Structure formats: C-alpha cells, structure tokens
C-alpha cells in the first residue's frame, strides 16, 4: 500500500456492510444523502475469484458474474472513490488473489472478522477468526503488503476488555489503515446496547483510527453520529440498521422524510436493475414508508417490479428509464445469456420444454429423478450424482453420469425443482420413456451418453 491512508478513516460517517441490503442502489442512496464512505455487502473471496468481469454498457456498471451468469457483485464509477469492498476469507493466499481482482474498482479493502452467522463460522471466516490471532495476522499482513489501496478489518469485541485490546494490537502491527469495532460480542443481539466504554478504552490503547460500529440504537441523525465520535474519542462511526430504516440518516443536519428517501432509493433501483427479491427485502424495513392500513407484507407480495415502483410514486420514472434502453435489453435475459454461454463452455447443456403441467408432475411419488435413477441402474451406469449451485436465489442443477456432467439453464427457485427439471430434460433428450419407468423404452446403446471409458 502506498502513502498514508489513515486520514481516509477519520471524521467520517460510514455505511456498514449489510448482506443483501448493501447492494449498489442502497450504497448510491446513502452517498446521495452524505455518507462519507460506503462498505459493500460481504462477498466470499473464493466466490469472487471464480467470477468473470462484465462491462454492462446499458446500466453503466461493472458486473462480476458467477460461473452460471448470476451477479456476484455490481459497482459503478460514481461510487469508486468512496467504496470499501468487504471480503469473507480464511486464507491469506485466497485473500490476496481476491484483492487483486477487485482492487482497481474500489478505494479500500476490508476483511470481515465479526460476522457471527453460521455460514461464516463453518467456513472459518467472520467471527471464527476472533480466536485465531495468528491467522488474522497472516491474512492482514499479506493484504497490506500486496495491496495498493488501504486495508482494514471489522471485528467484534471479545468477552473481556483485555482480550479485545490484545487482538487489536495484533491487528495494528499488520499495517492496516484502520479497524472497525462492533460494540457487541458474537453472541449478543442487535437489541442489546453497544459497549461504548470498551471501544473508548481500545482507542486509547492503539494508534490507528478506530471506527465505532453497532450504535444504530443511539442514532437518529448525522449529529448523533458526530456526538458519539466526540464522546468516545473514536475517529469515525459506522451504522447499519439506522441507515436501513432511513438511508437519509446521513443527511446534514437532519434526515429527510422517509417517503422522500425511499423514492430516491427506488430510482437507483430502477437505474441499476435491482433484483426483485433484493428490492422486497430492503424496503420491508423502511419505517413509516407504507400507507396506513397497507402493511409491508402486502406490498411485498407484488411480483412485478413496476407495481412496487408505482406504489412508491416512481412508476413514471420506471417507464421513462426503461423506454430508453435497447428494446432487446432485459436484465433477466442478459443473466440467462451469460449463464448459457458459461454453462455450454464447460458442461453438456440440455434443454426440454418445461410446461406448468410438467413442473406439477415433479411433486408426484414417481418423479423424473427416480425414473432416471432406476433406468440408469438397469442399464449398467454408475450411480448418478446430483448437486446445485445458487446465485441470487436462482438454482442451477448439475447431473454427473459416469464421466459426463450435464446441466440446464432454467430459472429455478429451489433445489428440488432444479434437479427434477434436469432429470426430466435428460430423459426427454435421451428418449427415456418417463411413463414406463420400470423398464425404460430404450437400452444403453441408444443413449447419447458416452458411457464409461472401458466400454467397447
């Protein structure tokens, strides 16, 4: 890392990373209202390494696409100077590889060392690192030595003040530009008070900027954040839930009315084609944004984005923006084009018409997967292997038969349907009679599979 970057984290009000919520539209909304820095939602480093970069000229974004074409991370030039990328990682080598990919598009890189969720703990990431100071040192030292942008980390307090200070001193020695400290232990709930006193004492013991996190219960305005800085002596304040409830909380001197802030967020959602499930998840926590006698769960049932935008009085803006886009542009269609291209280059892509009647049949006692398994066994194939991958809540199924791997490109919302659809497609493409599942209509010699290498 070049230059002294510590000033970058002093005197700032900052948006904390939030899974699902902290996407590009929400970050741009918070910047619009005065956030000094915005942390992106945590992205697993290994997942980022496996993406490919796509310049989306229609939306003006840079998209990092998963193997199946789904969006892993989306950013734009307008946020670069204030964007901090947060990664979940358990290996210094993987951390450096991920940092090299994302570094040209951000102004800082952060390592998540505080997430208490089970998926992080099981992967030896997030809060699991709090008890492994040697690994913490390895990861952060590797990043500070290899990155040209500032490196930080975000932790939680430990059970005792002494333990927390000891860990913070280990972190300071790695050369990080700042440390964000959530004032709750990994087992505490967000409704419990933030431990300001412990963070205040930690600040007195270390020489790098300290960012206080976890104060949303005490924050209603930008002034509240600056007051916390003054009272605790920390360098900056980072908030999550207070911003989620009203993203204009960063506005100086006071937040805007929630309806105004929501409209701003909705416009950015339209600009950057936010996924429907993200839109619904985020707006459900906007306090006071819904009309009387119309609870948020009713609005969240809408299946057309335009209905939601119309409800929040930005339907005309939606029509204006979408009318200017190329007629053949559709974010979902683009998702599938990328997905098909990636899948077809690595796997055997098979398709079949999946009508509602066909999809309904997947719930029967004898579904395509069971039929196919029995047919393969009777015709001398090895036991098939099924699995799925998930991106943006869309599941992609895979089927391995002997040495061949098959997939299909539908938009499946759960694992079971995805696997049954792939089994059905395989049967249709290989003329396996689904109705006569006991015998099958053809033998192995008629199948399009290559079979095992030792076959004559």
Foldseek 3Di string as FASTA:
>chain_A
DDDQCQVLQFPFEEADADPLQQAALLQVLLVVLAGSAYEYHEAALVQQLQWDWDQDPQLQWIFTAGLLLFGRGIDHQVRACRYEYEYWDQAQVSLLSSCVVCQVRHQEYEYAQAALDPVSCVRCTHVVCLVPLVSLLSNLLSDVVRHPHAYEYEHEADPDLVSRLVSVVSNVVSPGQEYEYEQHHSPDDLPDAGDLVSQLVSPVRDDHAYEYESHLVQAQALVSFVVSCVVSVGRGYYYYLNCLQASSRNHPPHRDPLLVSVLSSLLSCLSNVPDLVSNLVSVLNNPPNADPPQHSVNLNVDPDSLSNNVRSPCNVVSCVSVVPGPPPDDPVVSSLVSSCVSCVVPAAEFDDDCDPVLLVQLPDPQALVNLLQLQCVVQPWDRKDKDWDDHPQFIWIWIDIAHHIYTYRDRHNDDSSRHSRRSVRQCVVQVFDSVPSNHTDDHPVSGPDPGHPPDD
